[in-house]
Amino acid sequence: MVIINEDVIYEKTPCITLSMLLLITSMPFSTFANDIVKSTETKNGTNYETIQKEEDNNMSEREKLAVEKFNELYKDGKIPENIANSDLYNIVNNLVYGEIYQQGQLTDKDRELISLVALTTLGTNTLLKTHVYSALNAGLTPVEITEAVYHCTPYVGAAKALESVNVINEVFKEKGLAIPTGQGTVTEENRWDKGREAQTDIFGALNFNKPAKDEVRLDGSYLPDYCFGDFYTRNGLTLEQHELLTFVCIATLGGCESQLTAHTNGNKNLGKTKDYMLEVIIVCMPYIGYPRTLNAVAVINSVYETENN
């Protein structure tokens, strides 16, 4: 069972998100682990380091686990020098890889898929790029990575999504991987109907009428064809994965508790347990911060308590 003490979390933790801090910090390098710089590359004015962390005899068990998991996931990964050479990066590594990635039922593939979507939603493309390396090393395919970023589009907007697509494609090109295409399954004629089918599979029967061909659409009637038809129906991810990633997007955005409640119910309808959903939001926590995390926890508790009443 996942246990979260909301009062302790809120009182003892800064509210600013770690993803924001990682982008602005330039503190001196810490010795939580010895870093071996394997290569240095300059691109577009940014110095990238490929590093490997070594264990130190004075390290705690948590720090050793973090080093082991980091090296497993970041082998041959490139990290911007101003991020790698910071105490904060080590603090985050210890939390993410020494604790969060060591617990629960999620796989590293699950965690990396969730992280990619949270970082795309935040628009923190520097950190997103580092996670493309670790996502590939965790076993995610270029198709899965691409489709996860594509799926964010209706929630974060095309501007952010297109920037993130550019970032992941840079890594694919660097590693000699083909850029995935051709995962769409709908046509202009059936995208509304196929989207409606996906909605119904998740939420049950919905009272939506198909708009007339020339109708001016000013409400939520774009949901069936655009959100669900154009994205949920794409190959590369399962329906369950699509719905889970929607939850991650909305939780990361914050301030969308009505929509978050709906998609928590959607995940529940598809068989996700309360503990599973809590684990998902804990993976997001280092990047989205505690206020948004606690809001999501409250929504999860509310949705799953309803079934027990």
Protein backbone atom coordinates (compact mmCIF):
# COMPACT_ATOMS: atom_id res chain seq x y z
CA MET A 1 0.00 0.00 0.00
CA VAL A 2 1.21 3.49 -0.83
CA ILE A 3 1.13 5.78 2.23
CA ILE A 4 1.37 9.53 1.79
CA ASN A 5 1.38 11.88 4.77
CA GLU A 6 0.16 15.11 3.21
CA ASP A 7 0.86 17.31 6.25
CA VAL A 8 4.49 16.24 6.51
CA ILE A 9 5.03 16.60 2.78
CA TYR A 10 3.56 20.07 2.63
CA GLU A 11 5.35 21.43 5.71
CA LYS A 12 8.82 20.21 4.87
CA THR A 13 9.12 20.64 1.11
CA PRO A 14 9.70 23.68 -1.09
CA CYS A 15 6.90 24.54 -3.48
CA ILE A 16 9.02 25.39 -6.54
CA THR A 17 9.34 22.47 -8.93
CA LEU A 18 12.65 20.65 -9.21
CA SER A 19 12.51 20.73 -13.00
CA MET A 20 12.57 24.54 -12.87
CA LEU A 21 15.46 24.57 -10.41
CA LEU A 22 17.50 22.15 -12.48
CA LEU A 23 17.36 24.55 -15.41
CA ILE A 24 18.61 27.57 -13.49
CA THR A 25 21.06 26.18 -10.94
CA SER A 26 24.81 26.64 -11.26
CA MET A 27 25.91 25.58 -7.77
CA PRO A 28 29.30 23.89 -7.23
CA PHE A 29 29.52 20.19 -7.96
CA SER A 30 28.82 17.81 -5.05
CA THR A 31 30.64 14.57 -4.29
CA PHE A 32 27.64 12.32 -3.57
CA ALA A 33 29.32 10.18 -6.22
CA ASN A 34 32.47 10.52 -8.27
CA ASP A 35 31.67 11.56 -11.83
CA ILE A 36 33.87 10.45 -14.70
CA VAL A 37 33.50 12.70 -17.72
CA LYS A 38 33.59 10.28 -20.64
CA SER A 39 33.27 12.91 -23.35
CA THR A 40 32.40 16.54 -23.80
CA GLU A 41 30.48 17.92 -26.74
CA THR A 42 29.51 21.49 -27.59
CA LYS A 43 26.32 21.98 -29.56
CA ASN A 44 24.35 25.18 -30.09
CA GLY A 45 26.31 26.87 -27.32
CA THR A 46 25.53 24.16 -24.76
CA ASN A 47 28.23 21.93 -23.31
CA TYR A 48 27.06 18.33 -22.94
CA GLU A 49 28.77 15.79 -20.76
CA THR A 50 28.54 12.02 -20.92
CA ILE A 51 29.19 10.96 -17.35
CA GLN A 52 29.35 7.84 -15.27
CA LYS A 53 28.93 7.87 -11.53
CA GLU A 54 31.07 5.70 -9.24
CA GLU A 55 30.22 4.49 -5.77
CA ASP A 56 32.09 5.86 -2.79
CA ASN A 57 32.74 3.92 0.41
CA ASN A 58 31.15 6.72 2.44
CA MET A 59 27.89 6.67 0.51
CA SER A 60 24.61 5.62 2.10
CA GLU A 61 22.64 2.67 0.74
CA ARG A 62 20.19 5.09 -0.88
CA GLU A 63 23.03 6.90 -2.66
CA LYS A 64 24.51 3.61 -3.87
CA LEU A 65 21.15 2.52 -5.25
CA ALA A 66 20.84 5.88 -6.99
CA VAL A 67 24.26 5.51 -8.63
CA GLU A 68 23.47 1.97 -9.77
CA LYS A 69 20.11 2.93 -11.29
CA PHE A 70 21.53 6.13 -12.83
CA ASN A 71 24.29 4.22 -14.60
CA GLU A 72 21.80 1.61 -15.80
CA LEU A 73 19.49 4.19 -17.36
CA TYR A 74 21.91 6.93 -18.45
CA LYS A 75 24.65 4.91 -20.10
CA ASP A 76 25.88 6.99 -23.03
CA GLY A 77 23.37 9.70 -22.15
CA LYS A 78 24.41 13.34 -22.48
CA ILE A 79 23.65 15.84 -19.76
CA PRO A 80 24.10 19.64 -20.04
CA GLU A 81 27.21 20.62 -18.10
CA ASN A 82 25.48 23.33 -16.05
CA ILE A 83 23.01 20.71 -14.78
CA ALA A 84 25.44 17.85 -14.23
CA ASN A 85 27.82 20.04 -12.21
CA SER A 86 25.41 20.94 -9.43
CA ASP A 87 24.54 19.80 -5.94
CA LEU A 88 20.88 19.95 -6.88
CA TYR A 89 21.32 17.36 -9.61
CA ASN A 90 22.68 14.94 -7.02
CA ILE A 91 19.86 15.67 -4.59
CA VAL A 92 17.31 14.95 -7.30
CA ASN A 93 19.15 11.80 -8.42
CA ASN A 94 19.10 10.43 -4.89
CA LEU A 95 15.36 10.99 -4.61
CA VAL A 96 14.42 9.77 -8.09
CA TYR A 97 16.80 6.85 -8.58
CA GLY A 98 17.60 5.97 -4.97
CA GLU A 99 13.99 5.99 -3.73
CA ILE A 100 11.18 6.44 -6.25
CA TYR A 101 12.64 4.06 -8.85
CA GLN A 102 13.27 1.45 -6.14
CA GLN A 103 9.69 1.00 -4.94
CA GLY A 104 6.28 -0.19 -6.04
CA GLN A 105 4.85 -2.02 -9.02
CA LEU A 106 5.79 0.32 -11.87
CA THR A 107 8.57 -0.72 -14.23
CA ASP A 108 11.37 1.58 -15.36
CA LYS A 109 9.62 1.74 -18.74
CA ASP A 110 6.47 2.95 -16.99
CA ARG A 111 8.38 5.55 -14.98
CA GLU A 112 10.23 6.89 -18.00
CA LEU A 113 7.03 7.12 -20.06
CA ILE A 114 5.41 9.09 -17.23
CA SER A 115 8.47 11.34 -16.88
CA LEU A 116 8.58 12.09 -20.61
CA VAL A 117 4.97 13.26 -20.52
CA ALA A 118 5.39 15.34 -17.36
CA LEU A 119 8.46 17.08 -18.81
CA THR A 120 6.75 17.67 -22.17
CA THR A 121 3.80 19.21 -20.34
CA LEU A 122 6.12 21.48 -18.35
CA GLY A 123 8.00 22.48 -21.50
CA THR A 124 11.36 21.74 -19.85
CA ASN A 125 13.04 20.42 -22.98
CA THR A 126 16.58 20.42 -21.57
CA LEU A 127 15.60 17.86 -18.97
CA LEU A 128 13.30 16.10 -21.44
CA LYS A 129 16.28 15.40 -23.70
CA THR A 130 18.18 13.64 -20.91
CA HIS A 131 15.15 11.42 -20.30
CA VAL A 132 14.98 10.36 -23.94
CA TYR A 133 18.33 8.61 -23.40
CA SER A 134 17.12 6.92 -20.22
CA ALA A 135 13.77 6.01 -21.82
CA LEU A 136 15.57 4.20 -24.63
CA ASN A 137 17.83 2.41 -22.15
CA ALA A 138 14.79 1.41 -20.09
CA GLY A 139 13.42 -0.37 -23.15
CA LEU A 140 10.98 2.13 -24.63
CA THR A 141 10.96 2.19 -28.42
CA PRO A 142 11.21 5.36 -30.53
CA VAL A 143 7.56 4.79 -31.49
CA GLU A 144 6.45 4.67 -27.83
CA ILE A 145 8.48 7.78 -26.97
CA THR A 146 7.14 9.68 -29.97
CA GLU A 147 3.54 8.69 -29.33
CA ALA A 148 3.80 9.71 -25.67
CA VAL A 149 4.86 13.21 -26.73
CA TYR A 150 2.21 13.35 -29.48
CA HIS A 151 -0.44 12.40 -26.94
CA CYS A 152 0.26 15.55 -24.91
CA THR A 153 -0.83 17.84 -27.74
CA PRO A 154 -4.54 18.35 -26.91
CA TYR A 155 -3.68 19.19 -23.29
CA VAL A 156 -0.48 21.26 -23.52
CA GLY A 157 -1.05 22.74 -26.97
CA ALA A 158 0.70 22.18 -30.29
CA ALA A 159 3.44 24.75 -29.60
CA LYS A 160 4.91 22.82 -26.66
CA ALA A 161 4.36 19.44 -28.28
CA LEU A 162 6.12 20.39 -31.51
CA GLU A 163 9.12 21.73 -29.59
CA SER A 164 9.32 18.46 -27.67
CA VAL A 165 9.07 16.42 -30.88
CA ASN A 166 12.09 18.34 -32.16
CA VAL A 167 14.01 17.42 -28.98
CA ILE A 168 13.29 13.70 -29.13
CA ASN A 169 14.08 13.59 -32.85
CA GLU A 170 17.50 15.12 -32.14
CA VAL A 171 18.31 12.16 -29.90
CA PHE A 172 16.99 9.65 -32.43
CA LYS A 173 19.17 11.18 -35.17
CA GLU A 174 22.21 11.22 -32.88
CA LYS A 175 21.76 7.52 -32.11
CA GLY A 176 21.08 6.58 -35.73
CA LEU A 177 17.44 5.67 -35.09
CA ALA A 178 14.72 6.17 -37.66
CA ILE A 179 12.21 8.89 -36.79
CA PRO A 180 8.85 7.10 -36.39
CA THR A 181 5.95 8.00 -38.65
CA GLY A 182 2.71 6.46 -39.84
CA GLN A 183 1.04 5.48 -36.54
CA GLY A 184 -2.29 7.11 -37.36
CA THR A 185 -5.26 4.79 -37.89
CA VAL A 186 -8.20 7.09 -38.69
CA THR A 187 -9.39 8.81 -41.85
CA GLU A 188 -11.11 12.13 -42.36
CA GLU A 189 -14.35 10.22 -42.72
CA ASN A 190 -14.17 8.11 -39.54
CA ARG A 191 -12.07 10.09 -37.02
CA TRP A 192 -15.14 11.37 -35.13
CA ASP A 193 -16.71 7.90 -34.92
CA LYS A 194 -13.46 6.20 -33.90
CA GLY A 195 -12.83 8.87 -31.29
CA ARG A 196 -16.33 8.42 -29.92
CA GLU A 197 -15.67 4.68 -29.68
CA ALA A 198 -12.53 5.30 -27.63
CA GLN A 199 -14.40 7.68 -25.33
CA THR A 200 -17.16 5.13 -24.84
CA ASP A 201 -14.66 2.37 -24.06
CA ILE A 202 -13.25 4.51 -21.26
CA PHE A 203 -16.21 6.43 -19.89
CA GLY A 204 -19.28 4.54 -21.06
CA ALA A 205 -22.10 5.99 -23.14
CA LEU A 206 -21.81 9.75 -23.65
CA ASN A 207 -24.38 12.21 -24.91
CA PHE A 208 -22.51 13.68 -27.89
CA ASN A 209 -24.14 14.42 -31.21
CA LYS A 210 -21.97 14.40 -34.30
CA PRO A 211 -21.71 17.97 -35.61
CA ALA A 212 -22.96 18.83 -39.06
CA LYS A 213 -20.31 19.22 -41.74
CA ASP A 214 -20.44 23.04 -41.85
CA GLU A 215 -21.41 23.62 -38.21
CA VAL A 216 -19.49 26.29 -36.28
CA ARG A 217 -18.12 24.48 -33.23
CA LEU A 218 -17.62 26.55 -30.10
CA ASP A 219 -17.89 23.97 -27.32
CA GLY A 220 -16.41 20.63 -26.37
CA SER A 221 -17.52 18.95 -29.56
CA TYR A 222 -13.88 18.75 -30.75
CA LEU A 223 -13.20 16.10 -28.10
CA PRO A 224 -14.38 13.04 -30.06
CA ASP A 225 -12.54 13.71 -33.30
CA TYR A 226 -9.50 15.76 -32.29
CA CYS A 227 -8.59 14.62 -28.79
CA PHE A 228 -9.75 11.01 -28.99
CA GLY A 229 -9.98 10.37 -32.73
CA ASP A 230 -6.64 11.89 -33.76
CA PHE A 231 -4.62 10.77 -30.71
CA TYR A 232 -6.17 7.96 -28.65
CA THR A 233 -6.56 5.82 -31.77
CA ARG A 234 -2.90 5.99 -32.80
CA ASN A 235 -0.76 2.87 -32.74
CA GLY A 236 2.27 2.57 -30.46
CA LEU A 237 0.43 2.90 -27.15
CA THR A 238 -2.52 0.98 -25.74
CA LEU A 239 -5.82 2.64 -24.84
CA GLU A 240 -4.88 2.19 -21.18
CA GLN A 241 -1.56 3.95 -21.72
CA HIS A 242 -3.22 6.81 -23.57
CA GLU A 243 -5.65 7.38 -20.70
CA LEU A 244 -2.91 7.15 -18.08
CA LEU A 245 -0.80 9.72 -19.91
CA THR A 246 -3.80 12.06 -20.08
CA PHE A 247 -3.97 11.86 -16.29
CA VAL A 248 -0.24 12.70 -16.10
CA CYS A 249 -0.64 15.70 -18.43
CA ILE A 250 -3.56 17.16 -16.50
CA ALA A 251 -1.99 16.55 -13.08
CA THR A 252 1.19 18.25 -14.29
CA LEU A 253 -0.71 21.27 -15.62
CA GLY A 254 -2.33 21.85 -12.23
CA GLY A 255 -5.53 23.77 -11.59
CA CYS A 256 -7.58 21.35 -13.68
CA GLU A 257 -9.09 19.26 -10.91
CA SER A 258 -12.44 18.81 -12.68
CA GLN A 259 -10.75 17.24 -15.72
CA LEU A 260 -8.33 15.36 -13.46
CA THR A 261 -11.27 13.81 -11.62
CA ALA A 262 -12.80 12.69 -14.91
CA HIS A 263 -9.58 11.03 -16.08
CA THR A 264 -8.90 9.47 -12.69
CA ASN A 265 -12.31 7.85 -13.11
CA GLY A 266 -11.29 6.88 -16.65
CA ASN A 267 -8.20 5.09 -15.36
CA LYS A 268 -10.26 3.44 -12.65
CA ASN A 269 -12.73 2.23 -15.28
CA LEU A 270 -9.82 0.66 -17.18
CA GLY A 271 -8.68 -1.29 -14.14
CA LYS A 272 -6.08 0.93 -12.48
CA THR A 273 -6.01 0.65 -8.68
CA LYS A 274 -5.65 3.47 -6.20
CA ASP A 275 -2.13 2.37 -5.26
CA TYR A 276 -1.14 2.32 -8.93
CA MET A 277 -2.39 5.86 -9.48
CA LEU A 278 -0.62 7.10 -6.36
CA GLU A 279 2.63 5.58 -7.62
CA VAL A 280 2.16 7.38 -10.93
CA ILE A 281 1.81 10.75 -9.26
CA ILE A 282 4.83 10.10 -7.04
CA VAL A 283 6.94 9.59 -10.19
CA CYS A 284 5.76 13.05 -11.31
CA MET A 285 6.37 14.68 -7.92
CA PRO A 286 10.04 15.68 -8.29
CA TYR A 287 9.20 17.56 -11.50
CA ILE A 288 5.77 19.04 -10.82
CA GLY A 289 6.27 20.00 -7.14
CA TYR A 290 4.25 19.25 -4.04
CA PRO A 291 1.22 21.53 -4.46
CA ARG A 292 0.21 19.86 -7.73
CA THR A 293 1.13 16.45 -6.34
CA LEU A 294 -1.06 16.94 -3.27
CA ASN A 295 -3.96 18.18 -5.39
CA ALA A 296 -3.70 15.03 -7.52
CA VAL A 297 -3.50 12.83 -4.41
CA ALA A 298 -6.67 14.46 -3.09
CA VAL A 299 -8.46 13.75 -6.39
CA ILE A 300 -7.30 10.12 -6.39
CA ASN A 301 -8.45 9.65 -2.79
CA SER A 302 -11.82 11.19 -3.56
CA VAL A 303 -12.45 9.04 -6.66
CA TYR A 304 -11.45 5.76 -5.05
CA GLU A 305 -13.16 6.48 -1.73
CA THR A 306 -16.42 6.87 -3.64
CA GLU A 307 -16.40 3.18 -4.58
CA ASN A 308 -16.13 2.21 -0.90
CA ASN A 309 -19.15 4.25 0.22
